[in-house]
């Protein structure tokens, strides 16, 4: 799964303590693409999620990294409000 690969690369090569992270629907790549420069500039990973859930591998990374700031790329049609709510727990 791409999220697992992204998490491993991020943990071991970029920044194991990411305080910020971006999220985009994996089926709507234009949102992730348009936000990629902002994410790169702010040294944060972009995680691909489904419209209505965050994969367990991503959740575990966020808890280990103690991530506190979240950026969602896409509107409610591509990322449901329940995803934002689950990130804030």
C-alpha atoms as a PDB file:
ATOM      1  CA  UNK A   1       0.000   0.000   0.000  1.00  0.00           C
ATOM      2  CA  UNK A   2       1.317   3.437  -0.891  1.00  0.00           C
ATOM      3  CA  UNK A   3       0.597   4.878   2.558  1.00  0.00           C
ATOM      4  CA  UNK A   4       2.843   2.257   4.162  1.00  0.00           C
ATOM      5  CA  UNK A   5       5.637   3.077   1.744  1.00  0.00           C
ATOM      6  CA  UNK A   6       5.191   6.817   2.308  1.00  0.00           C
ATOM      7  CA  UNK A   7       5.295   6.314   6.062  1.00  0.00           C
ATOM      8  CA  UNK A   8       8.487   4.235   5.943  1.00  0.00           C
ATOM      9  CA  UNK A   9      10.272   6.705   3.674  1.00  0.00           C
ATOM     10  CA  UNK A  10       9.200   9.607   5.850  1.00  0.00           C
ATOM     11  CA  UNK A  11      10.186   7.927   9.122  1.00  0.00           C
ATOM     12  CA  UNK A  12      13.658   6.943   8.026  1.00  0.00           C
ATOM     13  CA  UNK A  13      14.788   9.594   5.598  1.00  0.00           C
ATOM     14  CA  UNK A  14      12.971  12.878   5.900  1.00  0.00           C
ATOM     15  CA  UNK A  15      11.582  13.838   9.270  1.00  0.00           C
ATOM     16  CA  UNK A  16      10.559  11.291  11.881  1.00  0.00           C
ATOM     17  CA  UNK A  17       8.828  13.902  14.033  1.00  0.00           C
ATOM     18  CA  UNK A  18       6.533  15.647  11.557  1.00  0.00           C
ATOM     19  CA  UNK A  19       4.437  18.151  13.478  1.00  0.00           C
ATOM     20  CA  UNK A  20       2.374  18.951  10.364  1.00  0.00           C
ATOM     21  CA  UNK A  21       0.815  16.617   7.814  1.00  0.00           C
ATOM     22  CA  UNK A  22      -1.337  16.992   4.720  1.00  0.00           C
ATOM     23  CA  UNK A  23      -4.116  14.685   3.561  1.00  0.00           C
ATOM     24  CA  UNK A  24      -5.665  14.130   0.176  1.00  0.00           C
ATOM     25  CA  UNK A  25      -8.068  11.612  -1.306  1.00  0.00           C
ATOM     26  CA  UNK A  26      -6.011   9.010  -3.135  1.00  0.00           C
ATOM     27  CA  UNK A  27      -8.566   8.923  -5.951  1.00  0.00           C
ATOM     28  CA  UNK A  28      -8.408  12.683  -6.630  1.00  0.00           C
ATOM     29  CA  UNK A  29      -4.734  13.257  -7.371  1.00  0.00           C
ATOM     30  CA  UNK A  30      -5.215  16.863  -8.520  1.00  0.00           C
ATOM     31  CA  UNK A  31      -5.824  17.972  -4.921  1.00  0.00           C
ATOM     32  CA  UNK A  32      -2.591  16.368  -3.702  1.00  0.00           C
ATOM     33  CA  UNK A  33      -0.687  17.714  -6.678  1.00  0.00           C
ATOM     34  CA  UNK A  34      -1.887  21.265  -6.121  1.00  0.00           C
ATOM     35  CA  UNK A  35      -0.904  21.144  -2.441  1.00  0.00           C
ATOM     36  CA  UNK A  36       2.439  19.411  -2.900  1.00  0.00           C
ATOM     37  CA  UNK A  37       4.508  22.600  -3.103  1.00  0.00           C
ATOM     38  CA  UNK A  38       3.007  23.892   0.155  1.00  0.00           C
ATOM     39  CA  UNK A  39       3.661  20.524   1.812  1.00  0.00           C
ATOM     40  CA  UNK A  40       7.257  20.411   0.569  1.00  0.00           C
ATOM     41  CA  UNK A  41       7.928  24.003   1.612  1.00  0.00           C
ATOM     42  CA  UNK A  42       6.616  23.223   5.096  1.00  0.00           C
ATOM     43  CA  UNK A  43       8.476  19.897   5.379  1.00  0.00           C
ATOM     44  CA  UNK A  44       5.378  17.770   5.794  1.00  0.00           C
ATOM     45  CA  UNK A  45       4.216  14.489   4.274  1.00  0.00           C
ATOM     46  CA  UNK A  46       1.090  14.149   2.168  1.00  0.00           C
ATOM     47  CA  UNK A  47      -0.926  11.084   3.118  1.00  0.00           C
ATOM     48  CA  UNK A  48      -3.501   9.586   0.807  1.00  0.00           C
ATOM     49  CA  UNK A  49      -6.780   8.726   2.488  1.00  0.00           C
ATOM     50  CA  UNK A  50     -10.139   7.420   1.402  1.00  0.00           C
ATOM     51  CA  UNK A  51     -13.079   9.785   1.362  1.00  0.00           C
ATOM     52  CA  UNK A  52     -14.352   8.618   4.726  1.00  0.00           C
ATOM     53  CA  UNK A  53     -11.445   7.059   6.651  1.00  0.00           C
ATOM     54  CA  UNK A  54      -7.783   7.333   7.611  1.00  0.00           C
ATOM     55  CA  UNK A  55      -5.804   4.079   7.173  1.00  0.00           C
ATOM     56  CA  UNK A  56      -4.448   2.517  10.370  1.00  0.00           C
ATOM     57  CA  UNK A  57      -0.849   2.847   9.132  1.00  0.00           C
ATOM     58  CA  UNK A  58      -1.323   6.609   8.819  1.00  0.00           C
ATOM     59  CA  UNK A  59      -2.989   6.881  12.231  1.00  0.00           C
ATOM     60  CA  UNK A  60      -0.115   5.018  13.861  1.00  0.00           C
ATOM     61  CA  UNK A  61       2.464   7.284  12.204  1.00  0.00           C
ATOM     62  CA  UNK A  62       0.590  10.372  13.401  1.00  0.00           C
ATOM     63  CA  UNK A  63       0.531   9.135  16.985  1.00  0.00           C
ATOM     64  CA  UNK A  64       4.244   8.227  16.962  1.00  0.00           C
ATOM     65  CA  UNK A  65       5.247  11.523  15.335  1.00  0.00           C
ATOM     66  CA  UNK A  66       2.926  13.500  17.637  1.00  0.00           C
ATOM     67  CA  UNK A  67       1.539  15.393  14.640  1.00  0.00           C
ATOM     68  CA  UNK A  68      -0.630  18.345  15.646  1.00  0.00           C
ATOM     69  CA  UNK A  69      -1.380  20.408  12.533  1.00  0.00           C
ATOM     70  CA  UNK A  70      -3.398  18.928   9.677  1.00  0.00           C
ATOM     71  CA  UNK A  71      -4.064  20.250   6.177  1.00  0.00           C
ATOM     72  CA  UNK A  72      -6.811  18.693   4.076  1.00  0.00           C
ATOM     73  CA  UNK A  73      -6.532  19.057   0.306  1.00  0.00           C
ATOM     74  CA  UNK A  74      -9.987  18.876  -1.233  1.00  0.00           C
ATOM     75  CA  UNK A  75     -13.500  19.754  -0.205  1.00  0.00           C
ATOM     76  CA  UNK A  76     -16.141  17.724   1.591  1.00  0.00           C
ATOM     77  CA  UNK A  77     -16.891  15.940  -1.679  1.00  0.00           C
ATOM     78  CA  UNK A  78     -13.448  14.310  -1.620  1.00  0.00           C
ATOM     79  CA  UNK A  79     -12.662  14.182   2.113  1.00  0.00           C
ATOM     80  CA  UNK A  80     -15.628  13.740   4.438  1.00  0.00           C
ATOM     81  CA  UNK A  81     -15.841  15.749   7.679  1.00  0.00           C
ATOM     82  CA  UNK A  82     -15.476  12.491   9.632  1.00  0.00           C
ATOM     83  CA  UNK A  83     -11.841  12.327   8.471  1.00  0.00           C
ATOM     84  CA  UNK A  84     -11.104  15.760   9.965  1.00  0.00           C
ATOM     85  CA  UNK A  85     -12.890  14.755  13.160  1.00  0.00           C
ATOM     86  CA  UNK A  86     -10.862  11.553  13.461  1.00  0.00           C
ATOM     87  CA  UNK A  87      -7.599  13.488  13.074  1.00  0.00           C
ATOM     88  CA  UNK A  88      -8.487  15.790  15.951  1.00  0.00           C
ATOM     89  CA  UNK A  89      -9.066  12.937  18.417  1.00  0.00           C
END
